[in-house]
Every structure is written in C-alpha cells, then in structure tokens.
C-alpha cells in the first residue's frame, strides 16, 4: 500500500517505543469519489470558519478528524 510507504518514510527519523513498528491495522484508503469530494468540501468548510477558542472547545484539527472519521467510517463513527 503506497500510504504505508509514505508514512514509513515520514516516521523514519523517529524511534518507536520499544522498537515497535508503525501499526497500520486501522488505516484505510478510499477510492470512493463521492466520499473524497465530501471530505474535501468538509475540510475546506472547517478551514474557512473562525472557531471559538477555549479549554472546552475542540480545535480545528479535532473537528476535522471527527468529520473524516464519520465520512470514512472510522472509530468514532463505529462507536456512535
């Protein structure tokens, strides 16, 4: 899988705890053009908004991660 090679290259300078390797068991790729388009639209919408800041407010990255998990059926989507 090409994504695994990219991730391995990005993490190459770092040491893993107890010399473990990158765990890609939950990594999924998608060739679903509708989901890809939706994900790009949501990503742009989140980036274009001004979000309230505070200790109890999610960051833009947290919002994006949650949205992508819902779109692509990640852990968050499976648990709700």
C-alpha atoms as a PDB file:
ATOM      1  CA  UNK A   1       0.000   0.000   0.000  1.00  0.00           C
ATOM      2  CA  UNK A   2       1.500   3.339  -1.080  1.00  0.00           C
ATOM      3  CA  UNK A   3       0.219   5.193   2.007  1.00  0.00           C
ATOM      4  CA  UNK A   4       2.163   2.851   4.286  1.00  0.00           C
ATOM      5  CA  UNK A   5       5.373   3.594   2.387  1.00  0.00           C
ATOM      6  CA  UNK A   6       4.773   7.339   2.710  1.00  0.00           C
ATOM      7  CA  UNK A   7       4.065   7.043   6.443  1.00  0.00           C
ATOM      8  CA  UNK A   8       7.114   4.866   6.998  1.00  0.00           C
ATOM      9  CA  UNK A   9       9.276   7.430   5.196  1.00  0.00           C
ATOM     10  CA  UNK A  10       7.812  10.289   7.246  1.00  0.00           C
ATOM     11  CA  UNK A  11       8.355   8.483  10.536  1.00  0.00           C
ATOM     12  CA  UNK A  12      11.809   7.130   9.603  1.00  0.00           C
ATOM     13  CA  UNK A  13      13.708   9.759  11.659  1.00  0.00           C
ATOM     14  CA  UNK A  14      11.783   8.839  14.822  1.00  0.00           C
ATOM     15  CA  UNK A  15      12.205   5.940  17.189  1.00  0.00           C
ATOM     16  CA  UNK A  16       9.150   3.956  18.207  1.00  0.00           C
ATOM     17  CA  UNK A  17       8.517   2.894  21.781  1.00  0.00           C
ATOM     18  CA  UNK A  18      10.130  -0.494  22.419  1.00  0.00           C
ATOM     19  CA  UNK A  19      11.249  -0.556  18.757  1.00  0.00           C
ATOM     20  CA  UNK A  20       7.709  -1.281  17.606  1.00  0.00           C
ATOM     21  CA  UNK A  21       6.791  -0.684  14.005  1.00  0.00           C
ATOM     22  CA  UNK A  22       4.121   1.583  12.578  1.00  0.00           C
ATOM     23  CA  UNK A  23       0.717  -0.005  13.185  1.00  0.00           C
ATOM     24  CA  UNK A  24      -1.381   0.379  10.058  1.00  0.00           C
ATOM     25  CA  UNK A  25      -4.140  -2.071  11.028  1.00  0.00           C
ATOM     26  CA  UNK A  26      -6.769   0.678  11.202  1.00  0.00           C
ATOM     27  CA  UNK A  27      -5.502   2.560   8.163  1.00  0.00           C
ATOM     28  CA  UNK A  28      -7.967   2.544   5.284  1.00  0.00           C
ATOM     29  CA  UNK A  29      -7.755   4.061   1.861  1.00  0.00           C
ATOM     30  CA  UNK A  30     -10.678   5.025  -0.300  1.00  0.00           C
ATOM     31  CA  UNK A  31     -11.304   5.164  -3.989  1.00  0.00           C
ATOM     32  CA  UNK A  32     -14.890   6.312  -3.408  1.00  0.00           C
ATOM     33  CA  UNK A  33     -15.007   9.584  -5.349  1.00  0.00           C
ATOM     34  CA  UNK A  34     -18.142  10.775  -3.548  1.00  0.00           C
ATOM     35  CA  UNK A  35     -16.510  10.382  -0.134  1.00  0.00           C
ATOM     36  CA  UNK A  36     -13.326  12.033  -1.362  1.00  0.00           C
ATOM     37  CA  UNK A  37     -15.297  15.008  -2.692  1.00  0.00           C
ATOM     38  CA  UNK A  38     -17.311  15.248   0.540  1.00  0.00           C
ATOM     39  CA  UNK A  39     -14.133  15.071   2.634  1.00  0.00           C
ATOM     40  CA  UNK A  40     -12.523  17.875   0.611  1.00  0.00           C
ATOM     41  CA  UNK A  41     -15.631  20.029   0.956  1.00  0.00           C
ATOM     42  CA  UNK A  42     -15.826  19.457   4.721  1.00  0.00           C
ATOM     43  CA  UNK A  43     -12.108  20.130   5.101  1.00  0.00           C
ATOM     44  CA  UNK A  44     -12.497  23.446   3.261  1.00  0.00           C
ATOM     45  CA  UNK A  45     -15.577  24.397   5.301  1.00  0.00           C
ATOM     46  CA  UNK A  46     -13.741  23.750   8.564  1.00  0.00           C
ATOM     47  CA  UNK A  47     -10.669  25.675   7.375  1.00  0.00           C
ATOM     48  CA  UNK A  48     -12.792  28.673   6.332  1.00  0.00           C
ATOM     49  CA  UNK A  49     -14.567  29.051   9.678  1.00  0.00           C
ATOM     50  CA  UNK A  50     -13.484  31.023  12.716  1.00  0.00           C
ATOM     51  CA  UNK A  51     -13.847  28.685  15.671  1.00  0.00           C
ATOM     52  CA  UNK A  52     -14.184  29.714  19.309  1.00  0.00           C
ATOM     53  CA  UNK A  53     -11.082  29.101  21.370  1.00  0.00           C
ATOM     54  CA  UNK A  54     -11.108  27.796  24.884  1.00  0.00           C
ATOM     55  CA  UNK A  55     -10.179  24.866  27.064  1.00  0.00           C
ATOM     56  CA  UNK A  56     -13.530  23.139  26.474  1.00  0.00           C
ATOM     57  CA  UNK A  57     -13.730  23.783  22.727  1.00  0.00           C
ATOM     58  CA  UNK A  58     -12.379  21.382  20.094  1.00  0.00           C
ATOM     59  CA  UNK A  59      -9.593  22.580  17.820  1.00  0.00           C
ATOM     60  CA  UNK A  60      -9.966  22.717  14.047  1.00  0.00           C
ATOM     61  CA  UNK A  61      -7.817  19.590  13.803  1.00  0.00           C
ATOM     62  CA  UNK A  62     -10.073  17.737  16.247  1.00  0.00           C
ATOM     63  CA  UNK A  63     -13.166  18.792  14.295  1.00  0.00           C
ATOM     64  CA  UNK A  64     -11.601  17.696  11.020  1.00  0.00           C
ATOM     65  CA  UNK A  65     -10.518  14.352  12.458  1.00  0.00           C
ATOM     66  CA  UNK A  66     -14.024  13.682  13.791  1.00  0.00           C
ATOM     67  CA  UNK A  67     -15.602  14.665  10.465  1.00  0.00           C
ATOM     68  CA  UNK A  68     -13.245  12.433   8.466  1.00  0.00           C
ATOM     69  CA  UNK A  69     -13.854   9.525  10.828  1.00  0.00           C
ATOM     70  CA  UNK A  70     -17.580   9.913  10.228  1.00  0.00           C
ATOM     71  CA  UNK A  71     -17.168  10.220   6.446  1.00  0.00           C
ATOM     72  CA  UNK A  72     -14.795   7.274   6.164  1.00  0.00           C
ATOM     73  CA  UNK A  73     -16.300   5.126   8.927  1.00  0.00           C
ATOM     74  CA  UNK A  74     -13.518   5.429  11.480  1.00  0.00           C
ATOM     75  CA  UNK A  75     -13.544   4.515  15.152  1.00  0.00           C
ATOM     76  CA  UNK A  76     -15.713   7.492  16.114  1.00  0.00           C
ATOM     77  CA  UNK A  77     -18.386   6.607  13.583  1.00  0.00           C
ATOM     78  CA  UNK A  78     -18.439   2.949  14.680  1.00  0.00           C
ATOM     79  CA  UNK A  79     -18.888   3.833  18.351  1.00  0.00           C
ATOM     80  CA  UNK A  80     -21.854   6.201  17.901  1.00  0.00           C
END
